[in-house]
C-alpha cells in the first residue's frame, strides 16, 4: 500500500492566517497605552440666587457731648480776625538780618501790628531776618519804648544800637517835677498873701505876715529843688536808637 502526503486544504490555511492576525493584533494592543477617558461635561450653569434687599438706612449717631468744664469760656476771636492792617513776621530766610545791641540785656526788638499793638521779634543780640517793611521799636519790661523806626535797606545786614531808659525813673522824675511846680506855685501864693498883710501902727510885721512870708519862701525853695531834680530825670530816661 502506497503512503500519500496529505494536501493542505484551503480552509486550514485560512484558519491559520486568521490566528496569526489575531496574535499580531493582541501584541499591538498590549503595547499601545489606553485611550484617555473623555473629560466630564461641565455642569449645567444655573442663574445666581437673588441678592437680598439692603437693610434700611439708619440716621447717624448723635455727636458726643463734651462734659462741661469749670471756669470761664475762652473768648472767641471776633468775625474778620485778624483785623485789617495785621502783618506777620516774614518766614526765616527773608528780609535783612538784624543785630541788636543795647546797654540793657532785657531789651527787645518789637514790631508794630496795629496802631497801639506791638509784638516781640527778638531779644539782644537778635541776629535773625525781619520784615523789611515793618515798623519797629526797642522796648521790653521796664524799658521806656523808643520812637518807632524803619529799616534802611530791604536786605543785607542791619545793626541797631540802643541806649535804654527806665519807665520807673521817668515817672519818678515826672512826679518830682510836677511836685516842684506845685510847691513853687504855693510859695508864690504865700508870698503874695504876705505882701498884702497889714502891719501894725509902728510898721512891724504881724504874726500872720511873718507866717505867710516864711511859708512862701520855704515852698518856693522846695519847689525849685524838686523841679531841678525831676525835669532832668524825666528827660534823661528816654530810649534812643541808632540804625545802620
Protein backbone atom coordinates (compact mmCIF):
# COMPACT_ATOMS: atom_id res chain seq x y z
CA UNK A 1 0.00 0.00 0.00
CA UNK A 2 1.42 3.28 -1.04
CA UNK A 3 1.51 6.29 1.61
CA UNK A 4 0.02 9.55 0.29
CA UNK A 5 1.20 13.00 1.57
CA UNK A 6 -1.83 14.87 2.73
CA UNK A 7 -2.61 18.02 0.73
CA UNK A 8 -3.17 21.30 2.52
CA UNK A 9 -6.82 22.26 2.43
CA UNK A 10 -7.66 25.89 1.72
CA UNK A 11 -9.82 26.12 4.87
CA UNK A 12 -6.95 25.16 7.08
CA UNK A 13 -4.80 27.86 5.53
CA UNK A 14 -7.44 30.49 6.17
CA UNK A 15 -7.76 29.49 9.82
CA UNK A 16 -4.02 29.69 10.25
CA UNK A 17 -3.90 33.15 8.73
CA UNK A 18 -6.75 34.37 10.96
CA UNK A 19 -4.98 33.06 14.08
CA UNK A 20 -1.77 34.81 13.09
CA UNK A 21 -3.63 38.10 12.52
CA UNK A 22 -5.29 37.89 15.95
CA UNK A 23 -1.92 37.21 17.60
CA UNK A 24 -0.40 40.28 15.94
CA UNK A 25 -3.38 42.46 16.93
CA UNK A 26 -3.17 41.31 20.56
CA UNK A 27 0.53 42.11 20.70
CA UNK A 28 -0.04 45.64 19.25
CA UNK A 29 -2.87 46.39 21.67
CA UNK A 30 -0.70 45.40 24.63
CA UNK A 31 1.98 47.95 23.60
CA UNK A 32 -0.45 50.83 22.85
CA UNK A 33 -1.44 52.95 26.01
CA UNK A 34 -5.10 53.02 26.81
CA UNK A 35 -7.05 55.94 25.45
CA UNK A 36 -7.89 58.69 27.97
CA UNK A 37 -11.39 58.99 29.21
CA UNK A 38 -13.26 61.93 27.78
CA UNK A 39 -13.48 64.93 30.13
CA UNK A 40 -16.56 65.18 32.15
CA UNK A 41 -19.01 67.55 30.64
CA UNK A 42 -19.26 70.87 32.54
CA UNK A 43 -22.03 71.17 35.00
CA UNK A 44 -25.03 73.00 33.82
CA UNK A 45 -24.88 76.74 34.76
CA UNK A 46 -27.74 77.98 36.87
CA UNK A 47 -28.65 81.68 37.43
CA UNK A 48 -27.21 83.18 40.72
CA UNK A 49 -29.56 83.40 43.66
CA UNK A 50 -31.31 86.75 44.06
CA UNK A 51 -29.50 89.40 46.18
CA UNK A 52 -31.26 90.06 49.49
CA UNK A 53 -32.58 93.61 49.86
CA UNK A 54 -30.27 96.15 51.60
CA UNK A 55 -31.07 96.88 55.26
CA UNK A 56 -32.85 100.16 55.91
CA UNK A 57 -30.58 103.21 56.43
CA UNK A 58 -30.46 104.50 59.98
CA UNK A 59 -29.59 108.10 60.89
CA UNK A 60 -26.01 108.69 62.12
CA UNK A 61 -25.50 108.55 65.89
CA UNK A 62 -25.58 111.91 67.66
CA UNK A 63 -22.27 113.68 68.24
CA UNK A 64 -20.83 113.10 71.71
CA UNK A 65 -21.43 115.93 74.11
CA UNK A 66 -18.27 117.13 75.79
CA UNK A 67 -18.55 117.42 79.56
CA UNK A 68 -18.79 120.95 80.86
CA UNK A 69 -15.52 122.40 82.03
CA UNK A 70 -15.11 124.63 85.02
CA UNK A 71 -14.01 128.18 84.62
CA UNK A 72 -14.90 130.88 82.11
CA UNK A 73 -15.22 130.01 78.45
CA UNK A 74 -12.27 131.34 76.43
CA UNK A 75 -13.14 134.33 74.33
CA UNK A 76 -13.61 133.63 70.65
CA UNK A 77 -11.93 135.89 68.08
CA UNK A 78 -14.35 138.39 66.55
CA UNK A 79 -15.51 137.96 62.94
CA UNK A 80 -12.94 139.10 60.44
CA UNK A 81 -9.98 138.31 62.70
CA UNK A 82 -7.16 139.14 62.24
CA UNK A 83 -8.15 142.77 61.85
CA UNK A 84 -7.16 144.87 58.84
CA UNK A 85 -3.58 146.07 58.94
CA UNK A 86 -2.29 142.99 60.73
CA UNK A 87 1.00 141.65 59.38
CA UNK A 88 3.04 138.63 60.40
CA UNK A 89 6.83 138.46 60.53
CA UNK A 90 8.32 137.01 57.33
CA UNK A 91 9.44 133.38 57.24
CA UNK A 92 13.02 132.60 58.18
CA UNK A 93 15.49 133.45 55.41
CA UNK A 94 13.66 136.52 54.07
CA UNK A 95 14.48 140.14 54.75
CA UNK A 96 17.55 141.78 56.28
CA UNK A 97 19.34 140.14 59.19
CA UNK A 98 19.12 142.48 62.19
CA UNK A 99 21.63 142.63 65.05
CA UNK A 100 20.55 144.41 68.26
CA UNK A 101 22.99 145.91 70.77
CA UNK A 102 21.76 147.63 73.95
CA UNK A 103 23.03 148.66 77.38
CA UNK A 104 20.24 146.58 78.95
CA UNK A 105 20.25 142.79 78.35
CA UNK A 106 16.45 142.72 78.63
CA UNK A 107 15.99 144.97 75.61
CA UNK A 108 13.83 143.52 72.84
CA UNK A 109 13.09 144.44 69.26
CA UNK A 110 9.34 144.87 68.78
CA UNK A 111 7.31 145.16 65.57
CA UNK A 112 4.06 147.10 65.25
CA UNK A 113 0.96 145.04 64.42
CA UNK A 114 -1.72 147.69 64.78
CA UNK A 115 -1.67 151.32 65.82
CA UNK A 116 -1.13 150.58 69.52
CA UNK A 117 -0.19 146.90 69.40
CA UNK A 118 3.37 145.62 69.37
CA UNK A 119 4.86 142.13 69.42
CA UNK A 120 8.33 140.91 70.39
CA UNK A 121 10.53 139.90 67.45
CA UNK A 122 13.80 139.02 69.17
CA UNK A 123 15.98 139.86 72.17
CA UNK A 124 19.57 141.02 72.39
CA UNK A 125 21.59 140.21 70.27
CA UNK A 126 18.81 139.17 67.81
CA UNK A 127 20.62 138.10 64.62
CA UNK A 128 17.56 136.94 62.66
CA UNK A 129 15.76 138.02 59.46
CA UNK A 130 12.97 140.57 59.95
CA UNK A 131 10.27 142.11 57.81
CA UNK A 132 11.95 144.85 55.71
CA UNK A 133 8.71 146.86 55.55
CA UNK A 134 7.80 146.65 59.24
CA UNK A 135 7.78 149.42 61.84
CA UNK A 136 9.98 148.64 64.83
CA UNK A 137 10.98 149.95 68.24
CA UNK A 138 13.19 148.89 71.16
CA UNK A 139 11.37 148.16 74.43
CA UNK A 140 10.70 145.36 76.89
CA UNK A 141 9.89 145.10 80.60
CA UNK A 142 10.50 148.39 82.41
CA UNK A 143 12.44 149.83 79.46
CA UNK A 144 10.99 153.05 78.11
CA UNK A 145 9.98 152.33 74.48
CA UNK A 146 11.95 154.11 71.81
CA UNK A 147 10.46 156.09 68.95
CA UNK A 148 9.26 153.91 66.03
CA UNK A 149 11.72 153.45 63.19
CA UNK A 150 12.03 151.59 59.89
CA UNK A 151 14.94 149.69 58.41
CA UNK A 152 17.27 151.47 55.96
CA UNK A 153 17.52 148.61 53.44
CA UNK A 154 15.41 145.60 52.32
CA UNK A 155 18.22 143.04 52.67
CA UNK A 156 21.73 142.53 53.95
CA UNK A 157 22.93 143.29 57.48
CA UNK A 158 21.25 145.93 59.70
CA UNK A 159 22.66 146.97 63.08
CA UNK A 160 20.59 148.71 65.78
CA UNK A 161 22.28 150.26 68.83
CA UNK A 162 20.02 151.34 71.69
CA UNK A 163 20.60 153.39 74.82
CA UNK A 164 17.70 152.46 77.04
CA UNK A 165 15.81 154.45 79.65
CA UNK A 166 13.68 153.32 82.59
CA UNK A 167 9.93 153.76 82.82
CA UNK A 168 10.17 153.82 86.63
CA UNK A 169 12.79 156.59 86.73
CA UNK A 170 10.96 158.52 84.05
CA UNK A 171 7.72 158.57 86.03
CA UNK A 172 9.56 159.36 89.26
CA UNK A 173 11.18 162.32 87.55
CA UNK A 174 7.81 163.41 86.20
CA UNK A 175 6.31 163.26 89.68
CA UNK A 176 9.15 165.24 91.22
CA UNK A 177 8.91 167.88 88.53
CA UNK A 178 5.15 168.25 88.97
CA UNK A 179 5.61 168.43 92.75
CA UNK A 180 8.19 171.16 92.28
CA UNK A 181 5.85 173.15 90.08
CA UNK A 182 3.10 172.84 92.68
CA UNK A 183 5.49 173.85 95.52
CA UNK A 184 6.75 176.86 93.65
CA UNK A 185 3.19 177.95 92.89
CA UNK A 186 2.22 177.57 96.55
CA UNK A 187 5.27 179.60 97.61
CA UNK A 188 4.32 182.37 95.26
CA UNK A 189 0.80 182.48 96.66
CA UNK A 190 2.10 182.66 100.23
CA UNK A 191 4.46 185.50 99.36
CA UNK A 192 1.67 187.37 97.64
CA UNK A 193 -0.51 186.93 100.71
CA UNK A 194 2.31 188.16 102.94
CA UNK A 195 2.73 191.32 100.91
CA UNK A 196 -0.97 192.11 101.34
CA UNK A 197 -0.91 191.55 105.10
CA UNK A 198 -1.21 194.81 107.07
CA UNK A 199 1.47 195.93 109.51
CA UNK A 200 0.94 197.42 112.94
CA UNK A 201 0.99 201.12 113.79
CA UNK A 202 4.75 201.15 114.23
CA UNK A 203 5.44 199.37 110.93
CA UNK A 204 6.20 195.98 112.45
CA UNK A 205 5.07 192.81 110.75
CA UNK A 206 2.24 190.90 112.34
CA UNK A 207 2.35 187.14 113.06
CA UNK A 208 0.26 186.37 110.00
CA UNK A 209 2.56 188.36 107.75
CA UNK A 210 5.61 186.53 109.08
CA UNK A 211 3.96 183.13 108.67
CA UNK A 212 2.98 183.80 105.07
CA UNK A 213 6.39 185.10 104.23
CA UNK A 214 8.28 182.15 105.74
CA UNK A 215 5.89 179.60 104.23
CA UNK A 216 6.13 181.26 100.85
CA UNK A 217 9.93 181.22 100.81
CA UNK A 218 10.03 177.61 102.03
CA UNK A 219 7.59 176.31 99.40
CA UNK A 220 9.35 178.27 96.72
CA UNK A 221 12.77 176.85 97.57
CA UNK A 222 11.47 173.28 97.83
CA UNK A 223 9.64 173.63 94.54
CA UNK A 224 12.72 174.86 92.73
CA UNK A 225 14.80 171.97 94.11
CA UNK A 226 12.21 169.39 93.05
CA UNK A 227 11.98 170.81 89.57
CA UNK A 228 15.77 170.85 89.29
CA UNK A 229 15.81 167.10 90.03
CA UNK A 230 12.61 166.00 88.34
CA UNK A 231 12.85 167.59 84.92
CA UNK A 232 16.37 166.30 84.10
CA UNK A 233 15.44 162.83 85.35
CA UNK A 234 12.31 162.78 83.22
CA UNK A 235 14.15 163.97 80.13
CA UNK A 236 17.11 161.59 80.51
CA UNK A 237 15.05 158.37 80.67
CA UNK A 238 14.09 158.17 77.02
CA UNK A 239 15.36 155.30 74.82
CA UNK A 240 17.36 156.35 71.80
CA UNK A 241 18.31 154.10 68.86
CA UNK A 242 20.87 154.28 66.10
CA UNK A 243 20.14 152.26 62.97
CA UNK A 244 22.87 151.42 60.49
